[in-house]
């Protein structure tokens, strides 16, 4: 597994980043980050083949002349969680600094999990 991290500024990020999780097909970085003023989105592959997806809000500090997450502070002004047929607001979303989900790829081919 690669231990590199690719960081993109929102203006320089590719239109699509596809993580296959198949080392024999494509060597990929373990972590990808897309930064934008006031925040970032990070996807990191774990050693067991799962993925952490993080949404990060900068509430700490800014750096003059910096691009990306440290260019400005971020404030969450809306939120939601979609579950099945329901869309729910996240309570106290203005206090959140990071949301993380651990995702396990489940690929079914002929009734067998294969990714």
Foldseek 3Di string as FASTA:
>chain_A
DAADEAEAEQVGDDPDDDDDLDVVVDDDHQKYWYFADQWIWMWGADPVGKIKIKTFGAPDAADPPDGGNRPHGGFDPFAWDDDDPDIGTDPPRRPDGMDMDIGDDADDDPNDGDD
